[in-house]
Protein backbone atom coordinates (compact mmCIF):
# COMPACT_ATOMS: atom_id res chain seq x y z
CA MET A 1 0.05 0.09 -0.03
CA THR A 2 1.49 3.43 -0.97
CA HIS A 3 1.12 6.43 1.32
CA GLN A 4 0.28 9.85 0.27
CA VAL A 5 2.13 12.96 1.37
CA HIS A 6 0.33 16.10 1.20
CA ALA A 7 3.19 18.72 1.01
CA PHE A 8 2.68 22.31 1.29
CA GLU A 9 6.14 24.07 0.94
CA PRO A 10 5.06 26.71 1.85
CA PRO A 11 1.37 26.75 2.44
CA GLU A 12 -0.80 29.86 1.98
CA ARG A 13 -2.39 29.21 5.34
CA PHE A 14 -1.47 26.56 8.13
CA VAL A 15 -3.44 26.79 11.29
CA ALA A 16 -4.79 24.82 14.29
CA GLY A 17 -8.59 24.86 14.76
CA THR A 18 -11.60 23.18 16.10
CA VAL A 19 -15.15 22.21 15.11
CA GLY A 20 -17.87 21.82 17.70
CA GLU A 21 -18.69 23.10 21.03
CA PRO A 22 -16.20 23.37 24.09
CA GLY A 23 -16.38 19.95 25.73
CA ASP A 24 -16.96 18.34 22.51
CA ARG A 25 -14.71 20.01 20.13
CA THR A 26 -12.44 18.15 17.38
CA PHE A 27 -9.20 19.47 16.97
CA PHE A 28 -7.64 19.88 13.29
CA LEU A 29 -4.53 20.98 11.75
CA GLN A 30 -5.25 22.60 8.33
CA ALA A 31 -3.14 23.52 5.36
CA ARG A 32 -4.17 25.59 2.33
CA GLY A 33 -2.29 26.23 -0.88
CA GLY A 34 -2.27 25.50 -4.56
CA GLY A 35 -6.09 25.20 -4.66
CA ARG A 36 -6.14 22.41 -2.26
CA VAL A 37 -7.08 22.32 1.52
CA VAL A 38 -6.11 19.38 3.62
CA SER A 39 -7.34 18.82 7.21
CA VAL A 40 -6.09 16.17 9.62
CA ALA A 41 -7.59 15.52 13.15
CA LEU A 42 -5.64 15.37 16.24
CA GLU A 43 -6.05 15.54 20.17
CA LYS A 44 -6.02 18.79 22.04
CA VAL A 45 -3.01 17.78 23.89
CA GLN A 46 -1.11 17.25 20.53
CA VAL A 47 -2.06 20.71 19.53
CA SER A 48 -0.79 22.24 23.07
CA LEU A 49 2.59 20.06 22.77
CA LEU A 50 3.16 21.11 19.19
CA ALA A 51 3.04 24.75 20.11
CA GLU A 52 5.45 24.07 22.91
CA LYS A 53 7.85 22.09 21.03
CA LEU A 54 7.71 24.68 18.16
CA GLU A 55 8.66 27.38 20.48
CA GLU A 56 11.56 25.32 21.79
CA LEU A 57 12.64 24.52 18.25
CA LEU A 58 12.49 28.29 17.30
CA THR A 59 14.49 29.25 20.56
CA GLU A 60 17.29 26.40 19.78
CA ALA A 61 17.59 27.52 16.09
CA SER A 62 18.06 31.09 17.29
CA ARG A 63 20.97 29.99 19.92
CA ARG A 64 22.56 27.39 17.49
CA PHE A 65 22.19 29.00 14.15
CA GLY A 66 21.56 32.76 14.88
CA VAL A 67 18.17 32.68 13.24
CA GLU A 68 16.41 36.10 13.71
CA LEU A 69 13.33 35.57 15.56
CA PRO A 70 10.01 37.59 15.72
CA GLU A 71 9.28 38.35 19.31
CA THR A 72 5.49 37.83 18.79
CA SER A 73 3.41 37.75 15.59
CA PRO A 74 2.08 41.26 14.71
CA LEU A 75 -1.41 41.89 15.42
CA SER A 76 -2.38 42.10 11.79
CA ALA A 77 -1.06 38.72 11.21
CA ASN A 78 -3.45 37.19 13.81
CA ASP A 79 -5.56 34.74 11.92
CA ASN A 80 -8.71 34.43 13.79
CA GLU A 81 -10.80 33.20 10.87
CA PRO A 82 -12.61 29.75 11.14
CA LEU A 83 -11.21 26.63 9.59
CA ASP A 84 -11.85 26.52 5.76
CA THR A 85 -15.07 24.45 4.80
CA PRO A 86 -15.96 21.70 4.44
CA VAL A 87 -13.65 20.23 6.93
CA ASP A 88 -12.94 16.77 5.70
CA GLU A 89 -10.70 14.74 7.87
CA GLU A 90 -7.85 13.19 5.68
CA PHE A 91 -6.54 10.99 8.67
CA ARG A 92 -6.11 11.24 12.43
CA VAL A 93 -2.60 12.13 13.34
CA GLY A 94 -0.47 9.57 15.52
CA THR A 95 3.17 11.21 15.33
CA LEU A 96 4.11 14.83 14.94
CA GLY A 97 7.67 15.44 13.67
CA LEU A 98 9.71 18.59 13.52
CA ALA A 99 12.87 19.82 12.05
CA PHE A 100 14.52 22.94 11.45
CA ASP A 101 16.16 23.29 7.79
CA VAL A 102 19.26 25.53 8.10
CA ASP A 103 19.75 25.91 4.13
CA THR A 104 16.26 27.44 3.75
CA THR A 105 15.58 28.80 7.45
CA THR A 106 12.65 27.12 7.66
CA VAL A 107 10.61 24.89 10.09
CA VAL A 108 9.37 21.62 8.77
CA ILE A 109 6.21 20.10 10.43
CA GLU A 110 5.20 16.63 9.51
CA ALA A 111 1.96 14.93 10.95
CA ILE A 112 1.89 11.35 10.21
CA GLU A 113 -1.21 9.08 10.13
CA ALA A 114 -1.97 6.86 13.15
CA GLY A 115 -0.94 3.26 12.61
CA GLU A 116 -3.08 0.44 13.48
CA GLY A 117 -1.00 -0.21 16.92
CA ASP A 118 -0.87 3.69 17.84
CA ALA A 119 -2.48 3.88 21.23
CA GLU A 120 -0.88 7.20 22.10
CA ALA A 121 0.37 10.25 20.28
CA ASP A 122 4.18 10.93 19.87
CA LEU A 123 5.82 14.27 19.33
CA GLY A 124 9.36 13.70 18.07
CA GLY A 125 11.16 17.10 18.30
CA ASP A 126 14.18 16.61 15.87
CA GLU A 127 16.53 19.39 14.85
CA ASP A 128 18.10 18.78 11.66
CA ASP A 129 20.77 21.28 10.56
CA GLU A 130 21.81 19.26 7.31
CA GLU A 131 18.45 17.96 5.70
CA PRO A 132 14.86 18.35 6.49
CA LEU A 133 12.56 15.49 7.33
CA ASP A 134 12.82 12.83 4.48
CA ASP A 135 10.65 10.15 3.14
CA ASP A 136 13.29 7.40 2.90
CA GLU A 137 11.07 4.14 2.84
CA ASP A 138 14.25 2.14 4.20
CA ASP A 139 14.45 4.19 7.19
CA GLU A 140 11.00 4.75 8.19
CA PRO A 141 8.91 1.98 10.16
CA ASP A 142 5.48 3.80 9.07
CA ASP A 143 6.36 4.25 5.47
CA ASP A 144 2.86 3.24 4.20
CA LEU A 145 1.20 6.03 6.46
CA ASP A 146 -0.33 9.22 4.97
CA ARG A 147 1.44 12.57 5.95
CA LEU A 148 0.87 16.04 5.98
CA ARG A 149 3.93 17.96 5.58
CA VAL A 150 4.42 21.90 5.88
CA ARG A 151 7.45 24.29 5.71
CA LEU A 152 7.00 27.50 7.56
CA THR A 153 9.17 30.68 8.04
CA PRO A 154 9.94 31.46 11.62
CA GLU A 155 7.32 34.39 11.33
CA ALA A 156 4.78 31.88 10.11
CA THR A 157 5.67 29.38 12.82
CA ARG A 158 5.38 32.19 15.56
CA ALA A 159 1.78 33.07 14.24
CA PHE A 160 0.84 29.32 14.26
CA ILE A 161 2.08 29.11 17.81
CA ASP A 162 -0.03 32.10 18.85
CA ARG A 163 -3.24 30.74 17.27
CA ALA A 164 -2.76 27.22 18.50
CA ARG A 165 -2.36 28.55 22.20
CA ARG A 166 -5.49 30.73 21.68
CA VAL A 167 -7.43 27.55 20.19
CA VAL A 168 -6.53 25.39 23.17
CA ALA A 169 -7.28 27.84 25.83
CA ALA A 170 -10.61 28.71 24.27
CA GLY A 171 -12.19 25.37 25.76
CA ARG A 172 -14.04 24.93 29.03
CA PRO A 173 -12.77 26.74 32.07
CA PRO A 174 -10.97 24.58 34.61
CA CYS A 175 -12.46 23.96 38.05
CA PRO A 176 -10.78 26.14 40.64
CA LEU A 177 -10.39 23.12 42.88
CA CYS A 178 -9.53 20.17 40.99
CA GLY A 179 -8.44 21.63 37.58
CA GLN A 180 -10.72 19.28 35.43
CA PRO A 181 -12.83 21.13 32.74
CA LEU A 182 -16.11 22.69 33.87
CA ASP A 183 -19.19 21.90 31.80
CA PRO A 184 -21.95 24.63 31.63
CA ALA A 185 -23.95 22.39 33.75
CA GLY A 186 -21.10 21.93 36.26
CA HIS A 187 -19.22 18.62 36.89
CA LEU A 188 -18.69 16.19 39.80
CA CYS A 189 -15.66 17.45 41.65
CA PRO A 190 -13.46 14.93 43.47
CA ARG A 191 -12.46 17.66 45.68
CA HIS A 192 -16.03 17.98 46.75
CA ASN A 193 -16.41 14.09 47.47
CA GLY A 194 -18.38 13.79 44.26
CA TYR A 195 -20.90 16.54 44.89
CA HIS A 196 -22.05 18.61 41.87
CA ARG A 197 -20.15 21.73 41.49
């Protein structure tokens, strides 16, 4: 079985977004470019971890290679638009890979389809100063899985990080006692011995 690589190098737009109401949201990464739109589903924790690891990658690229980094994305660059519709899930993400390509001064993000045995999502943060992520079928154990690959400038990466953090934070507020998400009707708080809060 051959795999499909959805490559956007660079995309016109690459964002994290959701479909649904807080408490019942589905998270997506969506890339648009060249007249096509690709959406892949993933977990909230993966979006949060991706933003965190991208921040670390940019910091390390600046430290090791002297890459100029924007402090924050300019307000005019904030993308608060909803996901492009229709949102058709290409696949569910199992693994996220990161690399920094020094030659082009770009960040490479690769979302790989969850395999049959994937119980948990994995985020591999690789820094690669020689070559970007590659598709060598001899080296990859999951060479038959679909992939979404995007290549972003540091500015576009910073804008992605900012939006991903806003999307994650826009969910249900945490309970001040136990930290679990509060539903509009409340929740059974373990700190109140199971009484409705």
